[in-house]
N, C-alpha and C. Protein backbone atom coordinates (compact mmCIF):
# COMPACT_ATOMS: atom_id res chain seq x y z
N MET A 1 -85.13 9.29 93.98
CA MET A 1 -85.55 9.52 92.92
C MET A 1 -84.63 8.97 91.97
N THR A 2 -85.22 8.32 91.23
CA THR A 2 -84.39 7.63 90.16
C THR A 2 -84.13 8.43 88.58
N GLU A 3 -83.22 8.60 88.54
CA GLU A 3 -82.96 9.32 87.55
C GLU A 3 -83.27 8.82 85.50
N PRO A 4 -84.24 9.77 84.81
CA PRO A 4 -84.27 8.87 83.73
C PRO A 4 -83.26 8.48 83.13
N GLN A 5 -82.98 7.84 82.04
CA GLN A 5 -82.23 7.23 81.76
C GLN A 5 -82.35 7.37 79.96
N LEU A 6 -81.20 7.59 79.34
CA LEU A 6 -81.14 8.28 77.88
C LEU A 6 -80.96 6.77 77.10
N THR A 7 -81.55 6.54 76.24
CA THR A 7 -81.20 4.90 75.38
C THR A 7 -81.89 5.87 73.99
N ALA A 8 -80.34 5.24 72.95
CA ALA A 8 -80.36 6.14 71.98
C ALA A 8 -80.42 4.70 71.11
N VAL A 9 -80.96 4.41 69.48
CA VAL A 9 -81.37 3.62 69.18
C VAL A 9 -81.16 5.02 67.24
N ALA A 10 -79.86 3.68 66.95
CA ALA A 10 -79.49 3.58 65.33
C ALA A 10 -80.44 2.92 64.54
N ILE A 11 -80.69 4.24 64.24
CA ILE A 11 -81.21 3.77 62.27
C ILE A 11 -81.00 4.03 61.52
N GLN A 12 -80.45 2.50 60.34
CA GLN A 12 -79.88 2.42 59.67
C GLN A 12 -80.49 2.90 58.33
N PRO A 13 -80.18 3.65 57.51
CA PRO A 13 -81.05 3.94 55.95
C PRO A 13 -80.86 2.87 55.28
N GLU A 14 -81.99 2.89 54.43
CA GLU A 14 -81.98 1.90 53.23
C GLU A 14 -81.37 2.27 52.41
N SER A 15 -80.84 0.91 51.22
CA SER A 15 -79.91 1.48 50.86
C SER A 15 -81.29 2.27 49.01
N THR A 16 -80.21 3.19 49.08
CA THR A 16 -81.16 3.75 47.87
C THR A 16 -80.57 3.55 46.15
N ARG A 17 -79.48 2.48 46.48
CA ARG A 17 -79.13 1.83 45.15
C ARG A 17 -80.15 1.49 44.41
N THR A 18 -80.10 1.99 42.84
CA THR A 18 -81.35 1.44 42.10
C THR A 18 -80.72 -0.01 41.11
N PRO A 19 -81.55 -0.99 41.36
CA PRO A 19 -80.36 -1.94 40.45
C PRO A 19 -79.49 -1.69 38.77
N ALA A 20 -80.13 -0.06 38.27
CA ALA A 20 -79.11 0.23 37.46
C ALA A 20 -78.18 0.80 37.98
N PHE A 21 -77.97 1.06 39.48
CA PHE A 21 -76.52 1.67 39.49
C PHE A 21 -75.67 0.09 39.94
N ASN A 22 -76.14 -0.74 40.23
CA ASN A 22 -75.62 -2.24 40.82
C ASN A 22 -75.10 -2.49 39.26
N PHE A 23 -76.29 -2.65 38.27
CA PHE A 23 -75.53 -3.38 36.92
C PHE A 23 -74.29 -2.44 36.80
N ILE A 24 -74.34 -0.98 36.75
CA ILE A 24 -73.10 -0.30 36.08
C ILE A 24 -71.65 -0.76 37.30
N GLN A 25 -72.17 -0.68 38.54
CA GLN A 25 -71.01 -0.64 39.14
C GLN A 25 -70.23 -2.74 39.26
N SER A 26 -71.05 -3.27 38.91
CA SER A 26 -70.86 -5.06 38.54
C SER A 26 -69.86 -4.83 36.93
N SER A 27 -70.39 -3.65 36.14
CA SER A 27 -69.43 -3.90 34.73
C SER A 27 -68.93 -3.42 34.71
N THR A 28 -68.67 -2.50 35.57
CA THR A 28 -67.30 -1.48 35.88
C THR A 28 -66.46 -2.77 36.48
N LEU A 29 -66.50 -3.26 37.26
CA LEU A 29 -65.26 -4.35 37.78
C LEU A 29 -65.19 -5.42 37.04
N VAL A 30 -66.43 -5.94 35.61
CA VAL A 30 -65.57 -6.84 34.78
C VAL A 30 -64.83 -5.96 33.77
N VAL A 31 -64.89 -4.64 33.31
CA VAL A 31 -64.32 -4.34 32.99
C VAL A 31 -62.69 -4.20 33.93
N GLU A 32 -62.83 -3.84 34.79
CA GLU A 32 -61.13 -3.58 35.14
C GLU A 32 -60.83 -5.26 35.02
N ARG A 33 -61.72 -6.22 35.11
CA ARG A 33 -60.60 -7.89 35.13
C ARG A 33 -60.24 -8.02 34.13
N VAL A 34 -61.18 -7.71 32.77
CA VAL A 34 -60.78 -7.63 31.71
C VAL A 34 -59.46 -6.47 31.54
N GLY A 35 -59.50 -5.51 31.52
CA GLY A 35 -58.14 -4.96 30.94
C GLY A 35 -57.03 -5.15 32.37
N ALA A 36 -57.33 -5.89 33.07
CA ALA A 36 -55.82 -6.46 33.72
C ALA A 36 -55.59 -7.29 33.24
N TRP A 37 -56.22 -8.60 32.53
CA TRP A 37 -56.07 -9.66 32.00
C TRP A 37 -55.67 -9.45 30.87
N ALA A 38 -55.91 -8.23 30.13
CA ALA A 38 -55.40 -8.08 28.36
C ALA A 38 -53.68 -7.49 29.14
N GLY A 39 -53.54 -6.21 29.63
CA GLY A 39 -52.18 -5.97 29.95
C GLY A 39 -51.25 -7.26 30.56
N ASP A 40 -51.77 -8.45 30.80
CA ASP A 40 -50.79 -8.92 31.53
C ASP A 40 -50.63 -9.97 29.98
N THR A 41 -51.94 -10.24 29.57
CA THR A 41 -51.28 -10.99 28.04
C THR A 41 -50.47 -10.36 27.08
N ALA A 42 -50.55 -8.85 27.51
CA ALA A 42 -49.70 -9.01 26.82
C ALA A 42 -48.52 -8.21 26.43
N GLN A 43 -48.05 -8.00 27.73
CA GLN A 43 -47.09 -8.16 28.39
C GLN A 43 -46.10 -9.59 28.16
N GLN A 44 -46.78 -10.81 28.63
CA GLN A 44 -46.10 -12.04 28.43
C GLN A 44 -46.03 -12.50 26.72
N PHE A 45 -46.82 -11.54 25.39
CA PHE A 45 -46.39 -11.90 24.49
C PHE A 45 -45.95 -10.75 24.23
N GLY A 46 -45.25 -9.77 24.66
CA GLY A 46 -44.49 -8.66 24.86
C GLY A 46 -43.09 -9.78 24.91
N VAL A 47 -42.74 -10.42 26.00
CA VAL A 47 -41.59 -10.78 26.08
C VAL A 47 -41.21 -12.10 25.41
N LEU A 48 -42.11 -12.50 24.73
CA LEU A 48 -42.33 -13.70 24.20
C LEU A 48 -42.14 -13.34 22.70
N VAL A 49 -42.26 -12.56 22.26
CA VAL A 49 -41.56 -11.73 20.92
C VAL A 49 -40.06 -11.38 21.28
N ALA A 50 -40.04 -10.23 22.29
CA ALA A 50 -38.78 -10.17 22.37
C ALA A 50 -37.78 -11.08 22.44
N VAL A 51 -37.80 -12.36 23.18
CA VAL A 51 -37.51 -13.53 23.04
C VAL A 51 -36.80 -14.07 21.92
N LEU A 52 -38.15 -13.93 20.65
CA LEU A 52 -38.07 -15.14 19.55
C LEU A 52 -37.13 -13.74 18.09
N MET A 53 -37.19 -12.28 19.12
CA MET A 53 -36.10 -11.72 17.63
C MET A 53 -34.60 -10.99 17.87
N ALA A 54 -34.40 -12.62 18.75
CA ALA A 54 -32.76 -12.27 19.27
C ALA A 54 -31.94 -13.24 17.87
N PRO A 55 -32.64 -14.57 17.49
CA PRO A 55 -32.92 -15.42 16.34
C PRO A 55 -32.52 -13.99 14.81
N ALA A 56 -33.83 -13.47 15.03
CA ALA A 56 -33.82 -12.59 13.42
C ALA A 56 -32.62 -11.60 13.98
N VAL A 57 -32.50 -11.24 14.80
CA VAL A 57 -31.30 -9.46 14.89
C VAL A 57 -29.95 -10.17 13.57
N PHE A 58 -30.06 -11.94 14.64
CA PHE A 58 -28.36 -12.50 14.36
C PHE A 58 -28.77 -12.73 13.00
N SER A 59 -29.72 -13.24 12.33
CA SER A 59 -29.93 -13.69 10.84
C SER A 59 -29.60 -12.71 10.00
N VAL A 60 -30.20 -11.23 10.35
CA VAL A 60 -30.59 -9.89 9.06
C VAL A 60 -29.03 -9.79 9.58
N TYR A 61 -28.26 -10.07 10.11
CA TYR A 61 -26.42 -9.84 10.56
C TYR A 61 -25.22 -10.26 9.61
N ALA A 62 -25.98 -11.72 9.97
CA ALA A 62 -25.64 -12.62 8.87
C ALA A 62 -25.85 -12.30 7.52
N PHE A 63 -26.93 -12.47 7.29
CA PHE A 63 -27.15 -11.68 5.55
C PHE A 63 -26.58 -10.46 5.04
N ALA A 64 -26.65 -9.32 6.82
CA ALA A 64 -25.44 -8.50 5.94
C ALA A 64 -23.91 -8.93 5.61
N VAL A 65 -23.73 -9.58 6.53
CA VAL A 65 -22.37 -10.01 6.21
C VAL A 65 -21.84 -10.79 4.83
N TRP A 66 -22.70 -11.85 4.86
CA TRP A 66 -22.80 -12.60 3.17
C TRP A 66 -22.92 -11.48 2.57
N ALA A 67 -24.16 -11.06 2.64
CA ALA A 67 -23.85 -9.60 0.71
C ALA A 67 -22.23 -8.93 0.71
N LEU A 68 -21.97 -8.31 1.89
CA LEU A 68 -20.54 -8.11 2.00
C LEU A 68 -19.47 -8.13 1.36
N ALA A 69 -19.72 -10.01 1.92
CA ALA A 69 -18.51 -10.65 1.29
C ALA A 69 -18.97 -11.06 0.32
N SER A 70 -20.19 -10.95 -0.53
CA SER A 70 -20.13 -11.67 -2.01
C SER A 70 -19.64 -10.21 -2.78
N ASN A 71 -20.03 -9.40 -2.07
CA ASN A 71 -19.54 -7.73 -3.25
C ASN A 71 -17.59 -8.00 -3.17
N LEU A 72 -17.47 -8.39 -1.89
CA LEU A 72 -15.96 -8.64 -1.97
C LEU A 72 -15.65 -9.08 -2.54
N GLY A 73 -16.41 -10.57 -3.54
CA GLY A 73 -15.64 -11.70 -3.76
C GLY A 73 -15.24 -13.01 -3.01
N PHE A 74 -15.57 -12.75 -1.41
CA PHE A 74 -15.41 -14.70 -0.84
C PHE A 74 -15.95 -15.06 -0.88
N THR A 75 -17.20 -14.98 -1.21
CA THR A 75 -18.17 -15.89 -2.16
C THR A 75 -18.78 -16.42 -2.89
N ASP A 76 -19.12 -17.21 -3.80
CA ASP A 76 -19.53 -17.20 -5.27
C ASP A 76 -20.87 -16.62 -5.61
N THR A 77 -21.67 -16.69 -4.73
CA THR A 77 -23.08 -16.31 -4.47
C THR A 77 -23.60 -15.66 -3.62
N PHE A 78 -24.90 -15.07 -3.71
CA PHE A 78 -25.25 -14.14 -2.86
C PHE A 78 -27.32 -14.94 -3.31
N ILE A 79 -28.38 -14.92 -2.21
CA ILE A 79 -29.06 -15.64 -2.26
C ILE A 79 -29.62 -14.58 -2.95
N PHE A 80 -29.71 -13.06 -3.02
CA PHE A 80 -30.09 -12.24 -3.95
C PHE A 80 -29.30 -11.48 -4.93
N THR A 81 -29.30 -11.57 -6.36
CA THR A 81 -28.11 -11.42 -6.87
C THR A 81 -28.69 -10.40 -7.45
N SER A 82 -29.49 -9.70 -7.65
CA SER A 82 -30.30 -8.26 -8.14
C SER A 82 -31.06 -7.79 -7.15
N GLY A 83 -31.12 -6.53 -7.84
CA GLY A 83 -32.25 -5.32 -6.60
C GLY A 83 -31.44 -5.11 -4.99
N ALA A 84 -32.52 -4.37 -4.44
CA ALA A 84 -32.09 -3.50 -3.26
C ALA A 84 -31.57 -4.39 -2.52
N LEU A 85 -32.12 -5.60 -2.01
CA LEU A 85 -31.98 -6.43 -1.28
C LEU A 85 -30.17 -7.51 -1.95
N SER A 86 -30.09 -6.81 -2.33
CA SER A 86 -28.69 -7.33 -2.81
C SER A 86 -27.78 -6.92 -2.06
N ASN A 87 -27.52 -5.25 -1.82
CA ASN A 87 -26.79 -4.59 -1.21
C ASN A 87 -26.59 -4.78 0.31
N TRP A 88 -25.00 -4.87 0.98
CA TRP A 88 -24.99 -5.05 2.21
C TRP A 88 -25.52 -3.90 2.76
N LEU A 89 -25.24 -2.81 2.37
CA LEU A 89 -25.80 -1.38 3.49
C LEU A 89 -27.10 -1.35 3.84
N ILE A 90 -28.43 -2.43 2.58
CA ILE A 90 -29.54 -1.81 2.96
C ILE A 90 -30.20 -3.39 4.59
N TRP A 91 -29.49 -4.39 4.21
CA TRP A 91 -29.42 -5.44 4.97
C TRP A 91 -28.37 -5.20 6.61
N LEU A 92 -27.50 -4.52 6.44
CA LEU A 92 -27.07 -3.35 7.89
C LEU A 92 -27.77 -2.12 8.66
N ALA A 93 -28.67 -1.88 7.64
CA ALA A 93 -29.59 -0.98 8.41
C ALA A 93 -31.03 -1.69 8.81
N LEU A 94 -31.10 -3.19 8.18
CA LEU A 94 -32.41 -3.21 8.38
C LEU A 94 -32.05 -4.08 9.27
N ALA A 95 -30.59 -4.00 9.52
CA ALA A 95 -30.18 -5.22 10.76
C ALA A 95 -29.65 -4.16 12.40
N VAL A 96 -29.74 -2.90 11.65
CA VAL A 96 -29.72 -2.45 13.33
C VAL A 96 -31.19 -1.98 13.10
N MET A 97 -31.92 -1.89 12.29
CA MET A 97 -33.57 -1.67 13.15
C MET A 97 -34.29 -2.85 13.98
N VAL A 98 -33.98 -3.61 13.26
CA VAL A 98 -34.52 -4.81 14.41
C VAL A 98 -34.25 -5.18 15.44
N HIS A 99 -32.20 -4.65 15.40
CA HIS A 99 -31.77 -4.96 16.90
C HIS A 99 -32.13 -4.00 17.91
N MET A 100 -32.52 -2.60 17.19
CA MET A 100 -33.36 -1.18 18.63
C MET A 100 -34.13 -1.67 18.33
N ALA A 101 -35.22 -2.04 17.84
CA ALA A 101 -37.10 -2.32 17.64
C ALA A 101 -36.86 -3.65 19.14
N ALA A 102 -35.54 -4.75 19.04
CA ALA A 102 -35.45 -6.08 19.48
C ALA A 102 -35.17 -5.19 21.43
N THR A 103 -34.35 -4.32 21.59
CA THR A 103 -34.02 -3.79 22.35
C THR A 103 -35.17 -3.01 23.25
N VAL A 104 -35.74 -2.02 22.42
CA VAL A 104 -36.90 -1.11 22.80
C VAL A 104 -37.94 -2.01 23.18
N LEU A 105 -38.20 -2.76 23.01
CA LEU A 105 -39.77 -4.12 23.20
C LEU A 105 -38.94 -5.03 24.79
N LYS A 106 -37.47 -5.27 24.65
CA LYS A 106 -37.01 -5.85 25.92
C LYS A 106 -37.20 -5.36 26.72
N ARG A 107 -36.89 -3.48 26.73
CA ARG A 107 -36.92 -3.12 27.73
C ARG A 107 -38.28 -2.35 28.34
N HIS A 108 -39.26 -2.41 27.33
CA HIS A 108 -40.77 -2.67 27.74
C HIS A 108 -41.54 -3.90 28.36
N THR A 109 -40.65 -4.73 28.40
CA THR A 109 -41.16 -5.76 28.97
C THR A 109 -40.48 -6.55 29.84
N ARG A 110 -40.32 -5.79 30.63
CA ARG A 110 -39.85 -6.79 31.69
C ARG A 110 -40.65 -7.21 33.02
N LEU A 111 -40.19 -8.46 33.12
CA LEU A 111 -41.64 -9.28 34.26
C LEU A 111 -41.13 -8.87 35.68
N ASP A 112 -39.82 -7.74 35.78
CA ASP A 112 -39.99 -7.91 37.26
C ASP A 112 -40.67 -5.96 37.60
N ARG A 113 -42.00 -6.54 37.16
CA ARG A 113 -42.14 -4.84 37.40
C ARG A 113 -43.39 -5.36 38.48
């Protein structure tokens, strides 16, 4: 006598996804790609600004030394003869702030991350 054979049939359920679900899923992917692009672009722009801030730091320190030399009588004139910008301490404070900003920006925009 022959034994009955069992046969299994797998039935794939139909997708219950609606067109609205597909639209939301595709728009989420687009937003993720745009976000990644914006982050990369901001990182590259930050690197550019950090590199270009080095001459600015040097220039502001040079103005501080020039203003101090003018106050001590080593130079005849300074570009600003009166007002707050004629004080060498203002220039030194600006130089320190720009230097700190450049350092922080350079630290946060490393390309090796």
